[in-house]
Amino acid sequence: MANKRQSAKRARQSVKKQERNVAVKSATKTAVKRAIEAVQTKDMGKAKEAYLAAVRALSKAASKGTIPKTRASRKIGRLTLLAKKILPEALPVKSSAAKK
């Protein structure tokens, strides 16, 4: 229990922040999972849409500070590599492996 007004307010703020972070993390994980499933089913339109939604969710989570920017970047990179390996023509992203 907080003893001062300032510490009580900080406790309330941290509860709000925690709830928001949990919601953002959950939505991000769901978006990434849907993108992976869509890419593995090899449905071009669905995969492209799910991929872009996952990248957007990861970027937003990183910009809000919910997850570290380096983790978001790593996950986006790995998702892109997976998508390019399975469906090279589906994504608008250019890769050096596709040129070789």
N, C-alpha and C. Protein backbone atom coordinates (compact mmCIF):
# COMPACT_ATOMS: atom_id res chain seq x y z
N MET A 1 0.84 -1.18 0.00
CA MET A 1 0.00 0.00 0.00
C MET A 1 0.88 1.24 0.00
N ALA A 2 0.52 2.20 -0.84
CA ALA A 2 1.29 3.42 -0.94
C ALA A 2 1.04 4.32 0.26
N ASN A 3 2.09 4.98 0.73
CA ASN A 3 1.98 5.84 1.88
C ASN A 3 1.79 7.32 1.52
N LYS A 4 2.17 7.69 0.31
CA LYS A 4 2.06 9.09 -0.10
C LYS A 4 1.22 9.19 -1.36
N ARG A 5 0.72 10.39 -1.63
CA ARG A 5 -0.13 10.59 -2.81
C ARG A 5 0.62 10.30 -4.10
N GLN A 6 1.87 10.73 -4.14
CA GLN A 6 2.65 10.52 -5.35
C GLN A 6 2.88 9.03 -5.62
N SER A 7 3.19 8.28 -4.59
CA SER A 7 3.42 6.84 -4.79
C SER A 7 2.12 6.11 -5.11
N ALA A 8 0.99 6.60 -4.58
CA ALA A 8 -0.31 6.01 -4.92
C ALA A 8 -0.62 6.25 -6.39
N LYS A 9 -0.32 7.46 -6.86
CA LYS A 9 -0.57 7.78 -8.26
C LYS A 9 0.33 6.94 -9.17
N ARG A 10 1.58 6.79 -8.81
CA ARG A 10 2.51 5.98 -9.60
C ARG A 10 2.02 4.53 -9.66
N ALA A 11 1.47 4.04 -8.55
CA ALA A 11 0.95 2.67 -8.53
C ALA A 11 -0.24 2.54 -9.48
N ARG A 12 -1.12 3.54 -9.49
CA ARG A 12 -2.27 3.51 -10.40
C ARG A 12 -1.81 3.57 -11.86
N GLN A 13 -0.82 4.42 -12.11
CA GLN A 13 -0.31 4.55 -13.47
C GLN A 13 0.34 3.25 -13.95
N SER A 14 1.06 2.60 -13.06
CA SER A 14 1.73 1.37 -13.47
C SER A 14 0.73 0.26 -13.77
N VAL A 15 -0.40 0.24 -13.07
CA VAL A 15 -1.44 -0.75 -13.36
C VAL A 15 -2.03 -0.50 -14.74
N LYS A 16 -2.31 0.76 -15.06
CA LYS A 16 -2.85 1.10 -16.38
C LYS A 16 -1.86 0.72 -17.49
N LYS A 17 -0.59 1.06 -17.26
CA LYS A 17 0.43 0.79 -18.24
C LYS A 17 0.60 -0.72 -18.46
N GLN A 18 0.53 -1.47 -17.38
CA GLN A 18 0.66 -2.92 -17.48
C GLN A 18 -0.50 -3.52 -18.29
N GLU A 19 -1.71 -3.06 -18.03
CA GLU A 19 -2.87 -3.56 -18.78
C GLU A 19 -2.74 -3.24 -20.26
N ARG A 20 -2.30 -2.03 -20.58
CA ARG A 20 -2.13 -1.64 -21.98
C ARG A 20 -1.04 -2.49 -22.64
N ASN A 21 0.07 -2.69 -21.94
CA ASN A 21 1.17 -3.48 -22.50
C ASN A 21 0.76 -4.92 -22.75
N VAL A 22 -0.01 -5.50 -21.83
CA VAL A 22 -0.47 -6.88 -22.00
C VAL A 22 -1.36 -6.99 -23.23
N ALA A 23 -2.23 -6.02 -23.42
CA ALA A 23 -3.13 -6.03 -24.58
C ALA A 23 -2.34 -5.88 -25.89
N VAL A 24 -1.37 -4.98 -25.91
CA VAL A 24 -0.58 -4.76 -27.11
C VAL A 24 0.27 -5.99 -27.43
N LYS A 25 0.88 -6.59 -26.42
CA LYS A 25 1.70 -7.78 -26.64
C LYS A 25 0.85 -8.93 -27.17
N SER A 26 -0.33 -9.11 -26.60
CA SER A 26 -1.22 -10.18 -27.03
C SER A 26 -1.64 -9.98 -28.49
N ALA A 27 -2.00 -8.76 -28.85
CA ALA A 27 -2.41 -8.48 -30.23
C ALA A 27 -1.24 -8.70 -31.19
N THR A 28 -0.05 -8.33 -30.77
CA THR A 28 1.13 -8.50 -31.61
C THR A 28 1.43 -9.98 -31.83
N LYS A 29 1.38 -10.77 -30.76
CA LYS A 29 1.64 -12.20 -30.89
C LYS A 29 0.62 -12.86 -31.80
N THR A 30 -0.65 -12.45 -31.68
CA THR A 30 -1.71 -13.00 -32.52
C THR A 30 -1.46 -12.64 -33.98
N ALA A 31 -1.07 -11.41 -34.26
CA ALA A 31 -0.81 -10.98 -35.63
C ALA A 31 0.34 -11.76 -36.25
N VAL A 32 1.40 -11.98 -35.48
CA VAL A 32 2.56 -12.72 -35.98
C VAL A 32 2.16 -14.17 -36.23
N LYS A 33 1.41 -14.75 -35.32
CA LYS A 33 0.98 -16.14 -35.49
C LYS A 33 0.10 -16.31 -36.73
N ARG A 34 -0.80 -15.36 -36.96
CA ARG A 34 -1.67 -15.41 -38.15
C ARG A 34 -0.85 -15.26 -39.43
N ALA A 35 0.17 -14.40 -39.39
CA ALA A 35 1.01 -14.21 -40.56
C ALA A 35 1.78 -15.48 -40.89
N ILE A 36 2.33 -16.14 -39.88
CA ILE A 36 3.07 -17.38 -40.11
C ILE A 36 2.15 -18.45 -40.69
N GLU A 37 0.95 -18.58 -40.11
CA GLU A 37 0.00 -19.57 -40.63
C GLU A 37 -0.40 -19.26 -42.07
N ALA A 38 -0.64 -17.98 -42.38
CA ALA A 38 -1.05 -17.60 -43.73
C ALA A 38 0.06 -17.87 -44.73
N VAL A 39 1.29 -17.61 -44.35
CA VAL A 39 2.42 -17.86 -45.26
C VAL A 39 2.57 -19.36 -45.49
N GLN A 40 2.41 -20.15 -44.44
CA GLN A 40 2.58 -21.60 -44.58
C GLN A 40 1.46 -22.25 -45.39
N THR A 41 0.28 -21.63 -45.44
CA THR A 41 -0.80 -22.17 -46.27
C THR A 41 -0.61 -21.79 -47.74
N LYS A 42 0.32 -20.88 -48.02
CA LYS A 42 0.68 -20.44 -49.37
C LYS A 42 -0.47 -19.77 -50.11
N ASP A 43 -1.31 -19.06 -49.37
CA ASP A 43 -2.37 -18.26 -49.97
C ASP A 43 -1.83 -16.84 -50.13
N MET A 44 -1.61 -16.43 -51.39
CA MET A 44 -0.91 -15.18 -51.67
C MET A 44 -1.57 -13.94 -51.04
N GLY A 45 -2.84 -13.74 -51.31
CA GLY A 45 -3.52 -12.53 -50.82
C GLY A 45 -3.58 -12.48 -49.31
N LYS A 46 -3.95 -13.61 -48.73
CA LYS A 46 -4.07 -13.69 -47.27
C LYS A 46 -2.70 -13.51 -46.60
N ALA A 47 -1.68 -14.11 -47.20
CA ALA A 47 -0.32 -14.03 -46.64
C ALA A 47 0.19 -12.59 -46.66
N LYS A 48 -0.03 -11.91 -47.77
CA LYS A 48 0.45 -10.54 -47.89
C LYS A 48 -0.24 -9.63 -46.88
N GLU A 49 -1.55 -9.79 -46.77
CA GLU A 49 -2.33 -8.98 -45.82
C GLU A 49 -1.91 -9.26 -44.37
N ALA A 50 -1.75 -10.53 -44.03
CA ALA A 50 -1.36 -10.91 -42.67
C ALA A 50 0.06 -10.46 -42.36
N TYR A 51 0.95 -10.56 -43.35
CA TYR A 51 2.34 -10.12 -43.16
C TYR A 51 2.39 -8.63 -42.85
N LEU A 52 1.69 -7.84 -43.64
CA LEU A 52 1.69 -6.39 -43.42
C LEU A 52 1.08 -6.02 -42.07
N ALA A 53 0.04 -6.75 -41.66
CA ALA A 53 -0.58 -6.49 -40.36
C ALA A 53 0.39 -6.83 -39.22
N ALA A 54 1.14 -7.92 -39.38
CA ALA A 54 2.10 -8.31 -38.35
C ALA A 54 3.24 -7.30 -38.23
N VAL A 55 3.74 -6.85 -39.37
CA VAL A 55 4.83 -5.86 -39.36
C VAL A 55 4.34 -4.56 -38.71
N ARG A 56 3.12 -4.18 -39.05
CA ARG A 56 2.56 -2.95 -38.47
C ARG A 56 2.40 -3.09 -36.96
N ALA A 57 1.90 -4.24 -36.51
CA ALA A 57 1.70 -4.47 -35.07
C ALA A 57 3.03 -4.45 -34.33
N LEU A 58 4.04 -5.10 -34.89
CA LEU A 58 5.36 -5.12 -34.25
C LEU A 58 5.96 -3.72 -34.19
N SER A 59 5.82 -2.96 -35.26
CA SER A 59 6.38 -1.61 -35.29
C SER A 59 5.68 -0.70 -34.28
N LYS A 60 4.36 -0.83 -34.19
CA LYS A 60 3.62 -0.01 -33.24
C LYS A 60 3.98 -0.38 -31.80
N ALA A 61 4.14 -1.67 -31.53
CA ALA A 61 4.50 -2.10 -30.18
C ALA A 61 5.88 -1.57 -29.80
N ALA A 62 6.78 -1.57 -30.76
CA ALA A 62 8.13 -1.06 -30.49
C ALA A 62 8.12 0.45 -30.29
N SER A 63 7.32 1.16 -31.08
CA SER A 63 7.30 2.61 -30.95
C SER A 63 6.64 3.05 -29.64
N LYS A 64 5.72 2.24 -29.12
CA LYS A 64 5.08 2.55 -27.84
C LYS A 64 5.95 2.16 -26.65
N GLY A 65 7.00 1.38 -26.92
CA GLY A 65 7.88 0.96 -25.84
C GLY A 65 7.42 -0.31 -25.16
N THR A 66 6.42 -0.98 -25.72
CA THR A 66 5.92 -2.22 -25.13
C THR A 66 6.95 -3.33 -25.28
N ILE A 67 7.56 -3.41 -26.45
CA ILE A 67 8.65 -4.35 -26.67
C ILE A 67 9.86 -3.56 -27.15
N PRO A 68 11.07 -4.08 -26.94
CA PRO A 68 12.26 -3.36 -27.40
C PRO A 68 12.30 -3.28 -28.92
N LYS A 69 12.85 -2.19 -29.44
CA LYS A 69 12.91 -1.99 -30.89
C LYS A 69 13.75 -3.07 -31.57
N THR A 70 14.79 -3.52 -30.91
CA THR A 70 15.63 -4.56 -31.52
C THR A 70 14.87 -5.88 -31.64
N ARG A 71 14.03 -6.19 -30.67
CA ARG A 71 13.24 -7.42 -30.73
C ARG A 71 12.23 -7.34 -31.87
N ALA A 72 11.60 -6.19 -32.02
CA ALA A 72 10.64 -6.01 -33.11
C ALA A 72 11.35 -6.15 -34.46
N SER A 73 12.50 -5.54 -34.58
CA SER A 73 13.27 -5.61 -35.81
C SER A 73 13.66 -7.05 -36.13
N ARG A 74 14.10 -7.78 -35.13
CA ARG A 74 14.49 -9.18 -35.31
C ARG A 74 13.30 -10.03 -35.77
N LYS A 75 12.15 -9.82 -35.13
CA LYS A 75 10.96 -10.60 -35.48
C LYS A 75 10.48 -10.26 -36.89
N ILE A 76 10.54 -8.98 -37.26
CA ILE A 76 10.15 -8.57 -38.61
C ILE A 76 11.08 -9.21 -39.64
N GLY A 77 12.37 -9.20 -39.34
CA GLY A 77 13.34 -9.80 -40.25
C GLY A 77 13.13 -11.29 -40.43
N ARG A 78 12.89 -11.98 -39.36
CA ARG A 78 12.68 -13.43 -39.44
C ARG A 78 11.39 -13.76 -40.16
N LEU A 79 10.36 -12.97 -39.92
CA LEU A 79 9.08 -13.17 -40.60
C LEU A 79 9.24 -12.92 -42.11
N THR A 80 10.01 -11.90 -42.45
CA THR A 80 10.25 -11.59 -43.85
C THR A 80 11.02 -12.71 -44.53
N LEU A 81 12.05 -13.23 -43.87
CA LEU A 81 12.81 -14.34 -44.44
C LEU A 81 11.93 -15.56 -44.67
N LEU A 82 11.08 -15.88 -43.71
CA LEU A 82 10.17 -17.02 -43.86
C LEU A 82 9.23 -16.80 -45.03
N ALA A 83 8.65 -15.62 -45.11
CA ALA A 83 7.71 -15.32 -46.18
C ALA A 83 8.41 -15.35 -47.54
N LYS A 84 9.60 -14.82 -47.62
CA LYS A 84 10.33 -14.81 -48.88
C LYS A 84 10.74 -16.22 -49.30
N LYS A 85 11.06 -17.07 -48.33
CA LYS A 85 11.47 -18.44 -48.65
C LYS A 85 10.29 -19.24 -49.21
N ILE A 86 9.13 -19.07 -48.60
CA ILE A 86 7.96 -19.85 -49.01
C ILE A 86 7.24 -19.22 -50.20
N LEU A 87 7.02 -17.90 -50.15
CA LEU A 87 6.31 -17.19 -51.22
C LEU A 87 7.14 -15.98 -51.67
N PRO A 88 8.16 -16.19 -52.51
CA PRO A 88 9.04 -15.07 -52.88
C PRO A 88 8.34 -13.94 -53.62
N GLU A 89 7.30 -14.23 -54.38
CA GLU A 89 6.65 -13.19 -55.17
C GLU A 89 5.49 -12.51 -54.44
N ALA A 90 5.18 -12.95 -53.24
CA ALA A 90 4.00 -12.43 -52.54
C ALA A 90 4.24 -11.08 -51.88
N LEU A 91 5.45 -10.83 -51.45
CA LEU A 91 5.71 -9.64 -50.64
C LEU A 91 6.36 -8.53 -51.45
N PRO A 92 6.04 -7.28 -51.10
CA PRO A 92 6.63 -6.16 -51.83
C PRO A 92 8.07 -5.87 -51.42
N VAL A 93 8.56 -6.56 -50.40
CA VAL A 93 9.90 -6.31 -49.87
C VAL A 93 10.93 -6.99 -50.77
N LYS A 94 12.00 -6.26 -51.11
CA LYS A 94 13.06 -6.82 -51.93
C LYS A 94 14.12 -7.40 -51.02
N SER A 95 14.64 -8.53 -51.42
CA SER A 95 15.72 -9.14 -50.64
C SER A 95 16.91 -9.42 -51.55
N SER A 96 18.10 -9.45 -50.99
CA SER A 96 19.29 -9.71 -51.77
C SER A 96 19.35 -11.17 -52.21
N ALA A 97 18.73 -12.08 -51.46
CA ALA A 97 18.74 -13.49 -51.82
C ALA A 97 17.92 -13.74 -53.09
N ALA A 98 16.90 -12.95 -53.32
CA ALA A 98 16.06 -13.13 -54.49
C ALA A 98 16.79 -12.70 -55.77
N LYS A 99 17.73 -11.77 -55.64
CA LYS A 99 18.47 -11.27 -56.81
C LYS A 99 19.49 -12.28 -57.30
N LYS A 100 20.06 -13.06 -56.40
CA LYS A 100 21.15 -13.98 -56.74
C LYS A 100 20.70 -15.21 -57.44
